[in-house]
Amino acid sequence: MSDPDSDAELPKHRLWQPVTAKWFFALCGSSLAYSILRYHLAGDVPWAHFPLFILNKATSLAAVLFVASSYLVGRVFKWHNHDPALRLVVVKFCGLGGFFLAAMHALFSLCILRPAYFGKYFEEGGQLTLVGELAMAVGVVGLVFLVSPAITTLPMMPKAIGGWRWKRSQRAGYVALLLVVVHLVALGYKGWMNVGGWTAGLPPISLIAVLAALTPLAFKFLRGR
């Protein structure tokens, strides 16, 4: 009797399969491990804040890594080029994974969006500062721009909307990455400048996420030139 989970038995376009599972555990695992290292082990954040505060940090970084990877695989990283169908599955998986993790990050952030967690983004009266409002607004718009490429990832969409419109909808992810950069710069640029204040010399997660978001944007710009 054959193994129902063997690679040979998998549907050709199934998103969850051994190779995408490796992507999931590599990106999510590294994001979570770094968050635990920086805030719990090297920092002084109590473990009581793991369920929301730390998972929020991890999902924010993982979301950017997934979206960035969806534009790098096959274009910059020549992985899976031996199998174009598999490469497309990985690209779709990374794009959809990034969208859902970004949505989780937004929900986590709403749960803890208060001065006790993010005091420097609030005024004394409890309202968000200009920087706080700008960062939140740009973050929401960035998530909206991820909706288009996520929806058009569905198998029937290229034929339904046409190849040109499909490609244009996928480019919305680049706009989302640019907005992510603005969102993170607004939130974290002051901390980036204070290298001596980095916990155990570890770069802030927001800085790592910005560099990840800028990578596909830079290659897109260079390729366009």
N, C-alpha and C. Protein backbone atom coordinates (compact mmCIF):
# COMPACT_ATOMS: atom_id res chain seq x y z
N MET A 1 0.85 -1.20 0.00
CA MET A 1 0.00 0.00 0.00
C MET A 1 0.88 1.25 0.00
N SER A 2 0.59 2.20 -0.87
CA SER A 2 1.42 3.39 -0.99
C SER A 2 1.17 4.35 0.16
N ASP A 3 2.18 5.13 0.46
CA ASP A 3 2.08 6.15 1.50
C ASP A 3 1.31 7.35 0.95
N PRO A 4 0.15 7.71 1.56
CA PRO A 4 -0.64 8.82 1.03
C PRO A 4 0.06 10.16 1.09
N ASP A 5 1.13 10.25 1.90
CA ASP A 5 1.84 11.52 2.03
C ASP A 5 3.13 11.57 1.21
N SER A 6 3.37 10.54 0.39
CA SER A 6 4.59 10.54 -0.40
C SER A 6 4.54 11.62 -1.47
N ASP A 7 5.71 12.09 -1.89
CA ASP A 7 5.77 13.15 -2.89
C ASP A 7 5.07 12.76 -4.18
N ALA A 8 5.17 11.48 -4.56
CA ALA A 8 4.59 11.04 -5.82
C ALA A 8 3.08 11.13 -5.82
N GLU A 9 2.46 11.06 -4.64
CA GLU A 9 1.00 11.07 -4.53
C GLU A 9 0.44 12.47 -4.38
N LEU A 10 1.30 13.46 -4.20
CA LEU A 10 0.81 14.81 -3.94
C LEU A 10 0.24 15.44 -5.20
N PRO A 11 -0.90 16.15 -5.09
CA PRO A 11 -1.40 16.91 -6.25
C PRO A 11 -0.35 17.92 -6.69
N LYS A 12 -0.28 18.15 -7.99
CA LYS A 12 0.79 18.96 -8.56
C LYS A 12 0.84 20.37 -7.98
N HIS A 13 -0.35 20.96 -7.71
CA HIS A 13 -0.39 22.35 -7.27
C HIS A 13 -0.72 22.49 -5.78
N ARG A 14 -0.58 21.43 -5.04
CA ARG A 14 -0.84 21.50 -3.60
C ARG A 14 0.19 22.43 -2.94
N LEU A 15 -0.31 23.39 -2.13
CA LEU A 15 0.59 24.36 -1.52
C LEU A 15 1.37 23.78 -0.36
N TRP A 16 0.72 22.94 0.46
CA TRP A 16 1.43 22.38 1.61
C TRP A 16 2.01 21.03 1.22
N GLN A 17 3.31 20.98 1.09
CA GLN A 17 4.01 19.75 0.76
C GLN A 17 5.41 19.85 1.38
N PRO A 18 6.21 18.80 1.32
CA PRO A 18 7.49 18.82 2.04
C PRO A 18 8.35 20.05 1.80
N VAL A 19 8.45 20.50 0.56
CA VAL A 19 9.33 21.64 0.28
C VAL A 19 8.78 22.94 0.88
N THR A 20 7.47 23.14 0.81
CA THR A 20 6.91 24.36 1.40
C THR A 20 6.88 24.28 2.92
N ALA A 21 6.75 23.07 3.45
CA ALA A 21 6.83 22.91 4.90
C ALA A 21 8.22 23.33 5.40
N LYS A 22 9.26 23.01 4.62
CA LYS A 22 10.61 23.42 4.99
C LYS A 22 10.72 24.95 4.98
N TRP A 23 10.12 25.59 3.98
CA TRP A 23 10.12 27.05 3.93
C TRP A 23 9.41 27.63 5.16
N PHE A 24 8.28 27.03 5.51
CA PHE A 24 7.50 27.52 6.65
C PHE A 24 8.30 27.43 7.94
N PHE A 25 8.87 26.27 8.20
CA PHE A 25 9.59 26.09 9.45
C PHE A 25 10.91 26.88 9.47
N ALA A 26 11.53 27.06 8.31
CA ALA A 26 12.78 27.83 8.26
C ALA A 26 12.52 29.31 8.56
N LEU A 27 11.53 29.91 7.88
CA LEU A 27 11.28 31.34 8.05
C LEU A 27 10.57 31.64 9.38
N CYS A 28 9.54 30.89 9.69
CA CYS A 28 8.83 31.12 10.96
C CYS A 28 9.70 30.73 12.14
N GLY A 29 10.43 29.62 12.00
CA GLY A 29 11.28 29.17 13.10
C GLY A 29 12.40 30.15 13.41
N SER A 30 13.05 30.66 12.35
CA SER A 30 14.14 31.61 12.58
C SER A 30 13.62 32.92 13.15
N SER A 31 12.43 33.36 12.70
CA SER A 31 11.85 34.60 13.23
C SER A 31 11.50 34.45 14.70
N LEU A 32 10.91 33.33 15.05
CA LEU A 32 10.53 33.08 16.44
C LEU A 32 11.77 32.92 17.33
N ALA A 33 12.76 32.19 16.83
CA ALA A 33 13.99 31.97 17.60
C ALA A 33 14.70 33.30 17.87
N TYR A 34 14.77 34.16 16.86
CA TYR A 34 15.44 35.45 17.05
C TYR A 34 14.67 36.33 18.03
N SER A 35 13.35 36.30 17.95
CA SER A 35 12.53 37.09 18.88
C SER A 35 12.74 36.63 20.32
N ILE A 36 12.77 35.33 20.52
CA ILE A 36 12.99 34.79 21.87
C ILE A 36 14.39 35.16 22.37
N LEU A 37 15.37 35.01 21.48
CA LEU A 37 16.75 35.33 21.86
C LEU A 37 16.88 36.80 22.26
N ARG A 38 16.34 37.70 21.43
CA ARG A 38 16.56 39.12 21.67
C ARG A 38 15.77 39.66 22.85
N TYR A 39 14.54 39.20 23.01
CA TYR A 39 13.67 39.81 24.03
C TYR A 39 13.60 39.02 25.33
N HIS A 40 13.67 37.69 25.25
CA HIS A 40 13.59 36.88 26.47
C HIS A 40 14.98 36.55 27.02
N LEU A 41 15.82 35.94 26.19
CA LEU A 41 17.10 35.43 26.68
C LEU A 41 18.13 36.55 26.87
N ALA A 42 18.28 37.41 25.87
CA ALA A 42 19.24 38.51 26.00
C ALA A 42 18.60 39.74 26.64
N GLY A 43 17.31 39.90 26.48
CA GLY A 43 16.61 41.04 27.05
C GLY A 43 15.95 40.73 28.37
N ASP A 44 15.05 41.60 28.77
CA ASP A 44 14.42 41.44 30.08
C ASP A 44 12.90 41.34 29.98
N VAL A 45 12.39 40.95 28.80
CA VAL A 45 10.94 40.80 28.65
C VAL A 45 10.50 39.52 29.34
N PRO A 46 9.57 39.57 30.28
CA PRO A 46 9.12 38.36 30.98
C PRO A 46 8.46 37.37 30.02
N TRP A 47 8.57 36.08 30.35
CA TRP A 47 7.97 35.05 29.51
C TRP A 47 6.45 35.15 29.48
N ALA A 48 5.89 35.86 30.45
CA ALA A 48 4.43 36.05 30.46
C ALA A 48 3.96 36.81 29.22
N HIS A 49 4.86 37.53 28.55
CA HIS A 49 4.48 38.30 27.37
C HIS A 49 4.78 37.56 26.07
N PHE A 50 5.10 36.26 26.18
CA PHE A 50 5.36 35.48 24.97
C PHE A 50 4.12 35.33 24.08
N PRO A 51 2.94 35.02 24.64
CA PRO A 51 1.79 34.71 23.78
C PRO A 51 1.37 35.82 22.82
N LEU A 52 1.56 37.08 23.19
CA LEU A 52 1.16 38.17 22.30
C LEU A 52 2.35 39.02 21.85
N PHE A 53 3.09 39.55 22.79
CA PHE A 53 4.16 40.49 22.45
C PHE A 53 5.24 39.84 21.59
N ILE A 54 5.73 38.69 22.03
CA ILE A 54 6.81 38.02 21.30
C ILE A 54 6.29 37.41 20.00
N LEU A 55 5.13 36.77 20.04
CA LEU A 55 4.58 36.21 18.81
C LEU A 55 4.28 37.31 17.80
N ASN A 56 3.91 38.48 18.29
CA ASN A 56 3.68 39.61 17.39
C ASN A 56 4.98 40.01 16.70
N LYS A 57 6.06 40.06 17.45
CA LYS A 57 7.36 40.37 16.86
C LYS A 57 7.74 39.33 15.81
N ALA A 58 7.55 38.06 16.17
CA ALA A 58 7.94 36.98 15.26
C ALA A 58 7.11 36.97 13.99
N THR A 59 5.80 37.15 14.12
CA THR A 59 4.94 37.12 12.94
C THR A 59 5.20 38.32 12.03
N SER A 60 5.55 39.46 12.62
CA SER A 60 5.84 40.64 11.80
C SER A 60 7.07 40.39 10.93
N LEU A 61 8.13 39.82 11.52
CA LEU A 61 9.34 39.53 10.76
C LEU A 61 9.10 38.43 9.74
N ALA A 62 8.42 37.38 10.17
CA ALA A 62 8.15 36.26 9.25
C ALA A 62 7.30 36.71 8.07
N ALA A 63 6.33 37.59 8.30
CA ALA A 63 5.47 38.08 7.22
C ALA A 63 6.31 38.76 6.14
N VAL A 64 7.24 39.61 6.55
CA VAL A 64 8.09 40.32 5.59
C VAL A 64 9.00 39.34 4.86
N LEU A 65 9.56 38.38 5.59
CA LEU A 65 10.44 37.39 4.96
C LEU A 65 9.69 36.58 3.91
N PHE A 66 8.45 36.20 4.21
CA PHE A 66 7.66 35.42 3.26
C PHE A 66 7.34 36.23 2.01
N VAL A 67 6.86 37.45 2.19
CA VAL A 67 6.50 38.28 1.04
C VAL A 67 7.73 38.57 0.20
N ALA A 68 8.83 38.92 0.84
CA ALA A 68 10.07 39.17 0.11
C ALA A 68 10.51 37.94 -0.67
N SER A 69 10.41 36.77 -0.04
CA SER A 69 10.82 35.53 -0.71
C SER A 69 9.97 35.24 -1.94
N SER A 70 8.69 35.60 -1.88
CA SER A 70 7.82 35.34 -3.02
C SER A 70 8.26 36.10 -4.27
N TYR A 71 8.99 37.21 -4.08
CA TYR A 71 9.49 37.98 -5.22
C TYR A 71 10.96 37.68 -5.54
N LEU A 72 11.60 36.88 -4.71
CA LEU A 72 13.01 36.56 -4.93
C LEU A 72 13.22 35.17 -5.50
N VAL A 73 12.36 34.23 -5.12
CA VAL A 73 12.51 32.86 -5.62
C VAL A 73 12.26 32.83 -7.13
N GLY A 74 13.21 32.27 -7.84
CA GLY A 74 13.09 32.18 -9.29
C GLY A 74 13.62 33.39 -10.02
N ARG A 75 13.65 34.54 -9.35
CA ARG A 75 14.18 35.75 -9.97
C ARG A 75 15.61 36.02 -9.52
N VAL A 76 15.82 35.94 -8.23
CA VAL A 76 17.16 36.18 -7.67
C VAL A 76 17.74 34.87 -7.14
N PHE A 77 16.97 34.19 -6.30
CA PHE A 77 17.39 32.88 -5.81
C PHE A 77 16.92 31.84 -6.82
N LYS A 78 17.84 31.20 -7.48
CA LYS A 78 17.49 30.25 -8.54
C LYS A 78 17.17 28.86 -8.00
N TRP A 79 16.51 28.86 -6.85
CA TRP A 79 16.11 27.58 -6.26
C TRP A 79 14.85 27.07 -6.95
N HIS A 80 14.73 25.76 -7.06
CA HIS A 80 13.57 25.09 -7.64
C HIS A 80 13.41 25.37 -9.13
N ASN A 81 14.43 25.94 -9.78
CA ASN A 81 14.32 26.21 -11.20
C ASN A 81 14.30 24.94 -12.04
N HIS A 82 14.71 23.83 -11.45
CA HIS A 82 14.66 22.55 -12.17
C HIS A 82 13.23 22.08 -12.36
N ASP A 83 12.31 22.63 -11.58
CA ASP A 83 10.90 22.24 -11.64
C ASP A 83 10.04 23.49 -11.58
N PRO A 84 9.69 24.08 -12.74
CA PRO A 84 8.92 25.33 -12.75
C PRO A 84 7.59 25.23 -12.00
N ALA A 85 6.93 24.08 -12.05
CA ALA A 85 5.66 23.93 -11.34
C ALA A 85 5.88 24.02 -9.83
N LEU A 86 6.94 23.38 -9.34
CA LEU A 86 7.24 23.42 -7.93
C LEU A 86 7.65 24.83 -7.51
N ARG A 87 8.43 25.50 -8.35
CA ARG A 87 8.83 26.87 -8.06
C ARG A 87 7.62 27.79 -7.91
N LEU A 88 6.64 27.62 -8.79
CA LEU A 88 5.42 28.42 -8.72
C LEU A 88 4.67 28.14 -7.43
N VAL A 89 4.65 26.88 -7.00
CA VAL A 89 3.99 26.52 -5.74
C VAL A 89 4.68 27.23 -4.58
N VAL A 90 6.02 27.24 -4.59
CA VAL A 90 6.77 27.90 -3.51
C VAL A 90 6.48 29.39 -3.50
N VAL A 91 6.46 30.01 -4.69
CA VAL A 91 6.18 31.44 -4.78
C VAL A 91 4.79 31.76 -4.24
N LYS A 92 3.80 30.96 -4.64
CA LYS A 92 2.43 31.17 -4.16
C LYS A 92 2.35 30.97 -2.65
N PHE A 93 3.02 29.92 -2.17
CA PHE A 93 3.00 29.62 -0.74
C PHE A 93 3.59 30.76 0.07
N CYS A 94 4.72 31.29 -0.41
CA CYS A 94 5.37 32.40 0.32
C CYS A 94 4.49 33.65 0.29
N GLY A 95 3.87 33.93 -0.86
CA GLY A 95 3.01 35.09 -0.95
C GLY A 95 1.80 35.00 -0.04
N LEU A 96 1.12 33.86 -0.08
CA LEU A 96 -0.06 33.68 0.77
C LEU A 96 0.34 33.60 2.24
N GLY A 97 1.46 32.94 2.52
CA GLY A 97 1.93 32.87 3.91
C GLY A 97 2.24 34.24 4.46
N GLY A 98 2.87 35.08 3.63
CA GLY A 98 3.16 36.44 4.06
C GLY A 98 1.91 37.24 4.34
N PHE A 99 0.89 37.06 3.49
CA PHE A 99 -0.37 37.79 3.69
C PHE A 99 -1.05 37.38 4.99
N PHE A 100 -1.15 36.10 5.24
CA PHE A 100 -1.83 35.64 6.45
C PHE A 100 -1.04 35.99 7.72
N LEU A 101 0.28 35.94 7.65
CA LEU A 101 1.07 36.33 8.80
C LEU A 101 0.97 37.84 9.05
N ALA A 102 0.89 38.62 7.97
CA ALA A 102 0.70 40.07 8.13
C ALA A 102 -0.65 40.36 8.78
N ALA A 103 -1.67 39.59 8.40
CA ALA A 103 -2.99 39.77 9.02
C ALA A 103 -2.94 39.39 10.50
N MET A 104 -2.22 38.32 10.84
CA MET A 104 -2.05 37.94 12.24
C MET A 104 -1.32 39.03 13.01
N HIS A 105 -0.29 39.58 12.40
CA HIS A 105 0.46 40.67 13.04
C HIS A 105 -0.45 41.86 13.33
N ALA A 106 -1.32 42.19 12.38
CA ALA A 106 -2.24 43.31 12.59
C ALA A 106 -3.18 43.04 13.76
N LEU A 107 -3.68 41.82 13.86
CA LEU A 107 -4.59 41.47 14.96
C LEU A 107 -3.85 41.46 16.30
N PHE A 108 -2.66 40.88 16.31
CA PHE A 108 -1.86 40.89 17.54
C PHE A 108 -1.59 42.32 18.00
N SER A 109 -1.24 43.18 17.04
CA SER A 109 -0.93 44.57 17.37
C SER A 109 -2.13 45.29 17.96
N LEU A 110 -3.31 45.02 17.40
CA LEU A 110 -4.52 45.65 17.94
C LEU A 110 -4.78 45.22 19.38
N CYS A 111 -4.43 43.98 19.68
CA CYS A 111 -4.67 43.46 21.04
C CYS A 111 -3.80 44.15 22.08
N ILE A 112 -2.61 44.60 21.68
CA ILE A 112 -1.69 45.18 22.66
C ILE A 112 -1.35 46.64 22.36
N LEU A 113 -2.15 47.26 21.50
CA LEU A 113 -1.88 48.66 21.13
C LEU A 113 -2.33 49.57 22.26
N ARG A 114 -1.45 49.76 23.21
CA ARG A 114 -1.72 50.60 24.38
C ARG A 114 -0.40 51.13 24.93
N PRO A 115 -0.45 52.21 25.70
CA PRO A 115 0.79 52.82 26.19
C PRO A 115 1.69 51.89 26.99
N ALA A 116 1.10 50.91 27.69
CA ALA A 116 1.91 50.01 28.50
C ALA A 116 2.90 49.22 27.64
N TYR A 117 2.55 48.97 26.38
CA TYR A 117 3.43 48.23 25.48
C TYR A 117 4.22 49.16 24.56
N PHE A 118 3.57 50.20 24.08
CA PHE A 118 4.19 51.08 23.09
C PHE A 118 4.11 52.53 23.56
N GLY A 119 4.65 52.78 24.75
CA GLY A 119 4.52 54.09 25.37
C GLY A 119 5.06 55.24 24.54
N LYS A 120 6.14 55.02 23.79
CA LYS A 120 6.76 56.12 23.06
C LYS A 120 5.93 56.57 21.85
N TYR A 121 4.91 55.79 21.51
CA TYR A 121 4.05 56.18 20.38
C TYR A 121 2.73 56.79 20.85
N PHE A 122 2.63 57.06 22.17
CA PHE A 122 1.40 57.63 22.73
C PHE A 122 1.71 58.95 23.42
N GLU A 123 0.76 59.88 23.35
CA GLU A 123 0.86 61.12 24.10
C GLU A 123 0.34 60.89 25.51
N GLU A 124 0.51 61.86 26.38
CA GLU A 124 0.09 61.71 27.77
C GLU A 124 -1.41 61.49 27.90
N GLY A 125 -2.18 62.05 26.97
CA GLY A 125 -3.62 61.88 27.03
C GLY A 125 -4.12 60.54 26.53
N GLY A 126 -3.22 59.71 26.03
CA GLY A 126 -3.61 58.38 25.56
C GLY A 126 -3.76 58.27 24.06
N GLN A 127 -3.70 59.42 23.33
CA GLN A 127 -3.80 59.36 21.89
C GLN A 127 -2.45 58.99 21.29
N LEU A 128 -2.50 58.42 20.08
CA LEU A 128 -1.28 58.12 19.37
C LEU A 128 -0.59 59.42 18.95
N THR A 129 0.73 59.40 18.93
CA THR A 129 1.48 60.53 18.40
C THR A 129 1.35 60.54 16.88
N LEU A 130 1.86 61.59 16.26
CA LEU A 130 1.84 61.67 14.80
C LEU A 130 2.59 60.49 14.18
N VAL A 131 3.74 60.16 14.75
CA VAL A 131 4.52 59.03 14.24
C VAL A 131 3.74 57.73 14.41
N GLY A 132 3.09 57.57 15.56
CA GLY A 132 2.31 56.37 15.81
C GLY A 132 1.16 56.23 14.83
N GLU A 133 0.44 57.32 14.60
CA GLU A 133 -0.69 57.29 13.66
C GLU A 133 -0.21 57.03 12.24
N LEU A 134 0.89 57.66 11.85
CA LEU A 134 1.43 57.44 10.51
C LEU A 134 1.82 55.99 10.32
N ALA A 135 2.51 55.43 11.30
CA ALA A 135 2.96 54.04 11.19
C ALA A 135 1.77 53.09 11.10
N MET A 136 0.73 53.31 11.92
CA MET A 136 -0.44 52.44 11.89
C MET A 136 -1.19 52.56 10.56
N ALA A 137 -1.35 53.80 10.08
CA ALA A 137 -2.08 54.03 8.84
C ALA A 137 -1.36 53.37 7.66
N VAL A 138 -0.06 53.56 7.58
CA VAL A 138 0.71 52.97 6.49
C VAL A 138 0.69 51.45 6.57
N GLY A 139 0.74 50.91 7.80
CA GLY A 139 0.68 49.47 7.97
C GLY A 139 -0.63 48.88 7.47
N VAL A 140 -1.74 49.56 7.76
CA VAL A 140 -3.05 49.09 7.31
C VAL A 140 -3.14 49.13 5.78
N VAL A 141 -2.68 50.23 5.19
CA VAL A 141 -2.71 50.36 3.72
C VAL A 141 -1.82 49.30 3.08
N GLY A 142 -0.68 49.03 3.69
CA GLY A 142 0.20 47.99 3.18
C GLY A 142 -0.47 46.64 3.18
N LEU A 143 -1.22 46.33 4.24
CA LEU A 143 -1.95 45.06 4.30
C LEU A 143 -3.00 44.99 3.21
N VAL A 144 -3.67 46.12 2.94
CA VAL A 144 -4.68 46.16 1.88
C VAL A 144 -4.03 45.86 0.53
N PHE A 145 -2.83 46.38 0.29
CA PHE A 145 -2.16 46.13 -0.98
C PHE A 145 -1.75 44.67 -1.13
N LEU A 146 -1.66 43.94 -0.03
CA LEU A 146 -1.34 42.52 -0.12
C LEU A 146 -2.56 41.68 -0.49
N VAL A 147 -3.76 42.26 -0.35
CA VAL A 147 -4.98 41.51 -0.65
C VAL A 147 -5.03 41.15 -2.12
N SER A 148 -4.68 42.09 -3.00
CA SER A 148 -4.78 41.85 -4.44
C SER A 148 -3.93 40.67 -4.91
N PRO A 149 -2.61 40.65 -4.61
CA PRO A 149 -1.83 39.49 -5.04
C PRO A 149 -2.25 38.20 -4.36
N ALA A 150 -2.79 38.29 -3.13
CA ALA A 150 -3.24 37.08 -2.44
C ALA A 150 -4.46 36.48 -3.14
N ILE A 151 -5.43 37.32 -3.50
CA ILE A 151 -6.64 36.84 -4.16
C ILE A 151 -6.32 36.28 -5.54
N THR A 152 -5.48 36.99 -6.28
CA THR A 152 -5.18 36.56 -7.65
C THR A 152 -4.25 35.35 -7.69
N THR A 153 -3.83 34.88 -6.53
CA THR A 153 -3.06 33.64 -6.48
C THR A 153 -3.95 32.42 -6.72
N LEU A 154 -5.27 32.59 -6.51
CA LEU A 154 -6.19 31.48 -6.74
C LEU A 154 -6.08 30.97 -8.17
N PRO A 155 -6.14 29.66 -8.38
CA PRO A 155 -5.86 29.06 -9.70
C PRO A 155 -6.69 29.63 -10.84
N MET A 156 -7.95 29.99 -10.59
CA MET A 156 -8.80 30.43 -11.69
C MET A 156 -8.60 31.88 -12.09
N MET A 157 -7.84 32.65 -11.28
CA MET A 157 -7.78 34.09 -11.48
C MET A 157 -7.02 34.53 -12.74
N PRO A 158 -5.88 33.93 -13.11
CA PRO A 158 -5.20 34.39 -14.33
C PRO A 158 -6.10 34.36 -15.55
N LYS A 159 -6.89 33.29 -15.70
CA LYS A 159 -7.79 33.20 -16.84
C LYS A 159 -8.97 34.15 -16.68
N ALA A 160 -9.42 34.35 -15.44
CA ALA A 160 -10.61 35.17 -15.21
C ALA A 160 -10.34 36.65 -15.47
N ILE A 161 -9.17 37.14 -15.10
CA ILE A 161 -8.91 38.58 -15.24
C ILE A 161 -7.93 38.90 -16.38
N GLY A 162 -7.33 37.88 -16.96
CA GLY A 162 -6.38 38.12 -18.05
C GLY A 162 -4.95 38.24 -17.54
N GLY A 163 -4.02 37.85 -18.41
CA GLY A 163 -2.63 37.81 -18.01
C GLY A 163 -2.06 39.16 -17.60
N TRP A 164 -2.40 40.23 -18.35
CA TRP A 164 -1.85 41.55 -18.05
C TRP A 164 -2.33 42.06 -16.70
N ARG A 165 -3.66 41.93 -16.45
CA ARG A 165 -4.20 42.38 -15.17
C ARG A 165 -3.66 41.53 -14.03
N TRP A 166 -3.44 40.25 -14.29
CA TRP A 166 -2.91 39.36 -13.26
C TRP A 166 -1.50 39.80 -12.86
N LYS A 167 -0.67 40.11 -13.85
CA LYS A 167 0.70 40.55 -13.56
C LYS A 167 0.68 41.88 -12.80
N ARG A 168 -0.22 42.77 -13.20
CA ARG A 168 -0.30 44.06 -12.52
C ARG A 168 -0.73 43.88 -11.06
N SER A 169 -1.65 42.97 -10.82
CA SER A 169 -2.10 42.73 -9.44
C SER A 169 -0.98 42.16 -8.59
N GLN A 170 -0.12 41.34 -9.20
CA GLN A 170 0.99 40.78 -8.45
C GLN A 170 2.02 41.85 -8.07
N ARG A 171 2.13 42.88 -8.90
CA ARG A 171 3.08 43.96 -8.60
C ARG A 171 2.65 44.78 -7.39
N ALA A 172 1.39 44.64 -6.98
CA ALA A 172 0.93 45.36 -5.79
C ALA A 172 1.74 44.96 -4.56
N GLY A 173 2.33 43.77 -4.60
CA GLY A 173 3.15 43.34 -3.49
C GLY A 173 4.38 44.22 -3.31
N TYR A 174 4.91 44.75 -4.40
CA TYR A 174 6.04 45.66 -4.29
C TYR A 174 5.63 46.94 -3.57
N VAL A 175 4.42 47.42 -3.87
CA VAL A 175 3.91 48.60 -3.17
C VAL A 175 3.76 48.29 -1.69
N ALA A 176 3.26 47.11 -1.38
CA ALA A 176 3.11 46.70 0.02
C ALA A 176 4.46 46.68 0.73
N LEU A 177 5.49 46.17 0.06
CA LEU A 177 6.82 46.13 0.66
C LEU A 177 7.36 47.54 0.90
N LEU A 178 7.10 48.44 -0.05
CA LEU A 178 7.53 49.83 0.14
C LEU A 178 6.82 50.46 1.33
N LEU A 179 5.55 50.18 1.49
CA LEU A 179 4.79 50.70 2.63
C LEU A 179 5.27 50.08 3.94
N VAL A 180 5.68 48.82 3.88
CA VAL A 180 6.25 48.17 5.06
C VAL A 180 7.51 48.91 5.50
N VAL A 181 8.33 49.31 4.53
CA VAL A 181 9.54 50.06 4.85
C VAL A 181 9.19 51.36 5.56
N VAL A 182 8.20 52.09 5.02
CA VAL A 182 7.77 53.35 5.65
C VAL A 182 7.24 53.08 7.05
N HIS A 183 6.42 52.04 7.19
CA HIS A 183 5.83 51.66 8.48
C HIS A 183 6.92 51.40 9.52
N LEU A 184 7.93 50.63 9.14
CA LEU A 184 8.97 50.24 10.09
C LEU A 184 9.95 51.37 10.36
N VAL A 185 10.24 52.18 9.35
CA VAL A 185 11.12 53.33 9.57
C VAL A 185 10.48 54.28 10.57
N ALA A 186 9.17 54.52 10.40
CA ALA A 186 8.47 55.42 11.32
C ALA A 186 8.51 54.88 12.75
N LEU A 187 8.42 53.57 12.90
CA LEU A 187 8.39 52.98 14.24
C LEU A 187 9.77 52.85 14.87
N GLY A 188 10.78 52.55 14.05
CA GLY A 188 12.03 52.12 14.68
C GLY A 188 13.29 52.86 14.37
N TYR A 189 13.24 53.90 13.53
CA TYR A 189 14.50 54.50 13.08
C TYR A 189 15.33 55.07 14.23
N LYS A 190 14.68 55.61 15.26
CA LYS A 190 15.44 56.17 16.38
C LYS A 190 16.24 55.08 17.09
N GLY A 191 15.64 53.93 17.26
CA GLY A 191 16.35 52.82 17.90
C GLY A 191 17.48 52.28 17.05
N TRP A 192 17.34 52.35 15.73
CA TRP A 192 18.41 51.86 14.86
C TRP A 192 19.66 52.72 15.00
N MET A 193 19.46 54.01 15.19
CA MET A 193 20.60 54.92 15.26
C MET A 193 21.41 54.72 16.55
N ASN A 194 20.76 54.23 17.58
CA ASN A 194 21.42 54.04 18.87
C ASN A 194 21.97 52.63 18.96
N VAL A 195 23.04 52.38 18.21
CA VAL A 195 23.61 51.03 18.14
C VAL A 195 24.05 50.56 19.52
N GLY A 196 24.55 51.47 20.33
CA GLY A 196 25.00 51.09 21.66
C GLY A 196 23.87 50.62 22.56
N GLY A 197 22.65 50.98 22.21
CA GLY A 197 21.50 50.58 23.01
C GLY A 197 20.85 49.29 22.55
N TRP A 198 21.38 48.67 21.49
CA TRP A 198 20.81 47.40 21.02
C TRP A 198 21.00 46.32 22.08
N THR A 199 19.99 45.57 22.35
CA THR A 199 20.05 44.50 23.35
C THR A 199 21.10 43.47 22.95
N ALA A 200 22.14 43.35 23.77
CA ALA A 200 23.23 42.39 23.55
C ALA A 200 23.84 42.56 22.16
N GLY A 201 23.75 43.76 21.62
CA GLY A 201 24.31 44.00 20.29
C GLY A 201 23.51 43.42 19.15
N LEU A 202 22.31 42.92 19.45
CA LEU A 202 21.46 42.30 18.43
C LEU A 202 20.62 43.36 17.73
N PRO A 203 20.63 43.42 16.40
CA PRO A 203 19.85 44.43 15.68
C PRO A 203 18.36 44.30 15.97
N PRO A 204 17.63 45.41 16.01
CA PRO A 204 16.19 45.35 16.21
C PRO A 204 15.51 44.56 15.09
N ILE A 205 14.42 43.89 15.43
CA ILE A 205 13.68 43.12 14.44
C ILE A 205 13.19 44.02 13.31
N SER A 206 12.79 45.24 13.65
CA SER A 206 12.29 46.15 12.62
C SER A 206 13.36 46.47 11.59
N LEU A 207 14.61 46.57 12.00
CA LEU A 207 15.70 46.85 11.07
C LEU A 207 15.94 45.65 10.15
N ILE A 208 15.91 44.46 10.70
CA ILE A 208 16.07 43.25 9.88
C ILE A 208 14.94 43.15 8.87
N ALA A 209 13.72 43.47 9.31
CA ALA A 209 12.57 43.40 8.41
C ALA A 209 12.69 44.43 7.29
N VAL A 210 13.18 45.62 7.60
CA VAL A 210 13.36 46.64 6.56
C VAL A 210 14.36 46.17 5.51
N LEU A 211 15.47 45.60 5.95
CA LEU A 211 16.46 45.10 5.01
C LEU A 211 15.88 43.99 4.13
N ALA A 212 15.05 43.13 4.74
CA ALA A 212 14.41 42.06 3.96
C ALA A 212 13.44 42.64 2.94
N ALA A 213 12.68 43.67 3.33
CA ALA A 213 11.72 44.28 2.42
C ALA A 213 12.41 45.04 1.29
N LEU A 214 13.55 45.65 1.60
CA LEU A 214 14.27 46.42 0.59
C LEU A 214 14.95 45.54 -0.46
N THR A 215 15.24 44.29 -0.11
CA THR A 215 15.98 43.42 -1.02
C THR A 215 15.26 43.20 -2.35
N PRO A 216 14.00 42.74 -2.36
CA PRO A 216 13.32 42.58 -3.66
C PRO A 216 13.07 43.92 -4.34
N LEU A 217 12.86 44.99 -3.58
CA LEU A 217 12.67 46.30 -4.19
C LEU A 217 13.93 46.74 -4.91
N ALA A 218 15.10 46.48 -4.31
CA ALA A 218 16.37 46.85 -4.92
C ALA A 218 16.60 46.07 -6.21
N PHE A 219 16.33 44.77 -6.18
CA PHE A 219 16.52 43.95 -7.38
C PHE A 219 15.52 44.33 -8.46
N LYS A 220 14.31 44.70 -8.07
CA LYS A 220 13.33 45.16 -9.04
C LYS A 220 13.81 46.44 -9.72
N PHE A 221 14.35 47.35 -8.94
CA PHE A 221 14.85 48.61 -9.48
C PHE A 221 16.03 48.37 -10.41
N LEU A 222 16.98 47.53 -10.00
CA LEU A 222 18.17 47.26 -10.81
C LEU A 222 17.80 46.53 -12.09
N ARG A 223 16.84 45.62 -12.01
CA ARG A 223 16.41 44.89 -13.21
C ARG A 223 15.70 45.82 -14.17
N GLY A 224 14.94 46.79 -13.61
CA GLY A 224 14.25 47.74 -14.46
C GLY A 224 15.20 48.65 -15.22
N ARG A 225 16.35 48.94 -14.61
CA ARG A 225 17.34 49.79 -15.26
C ARG A 225 18.11 49.01 -16.32
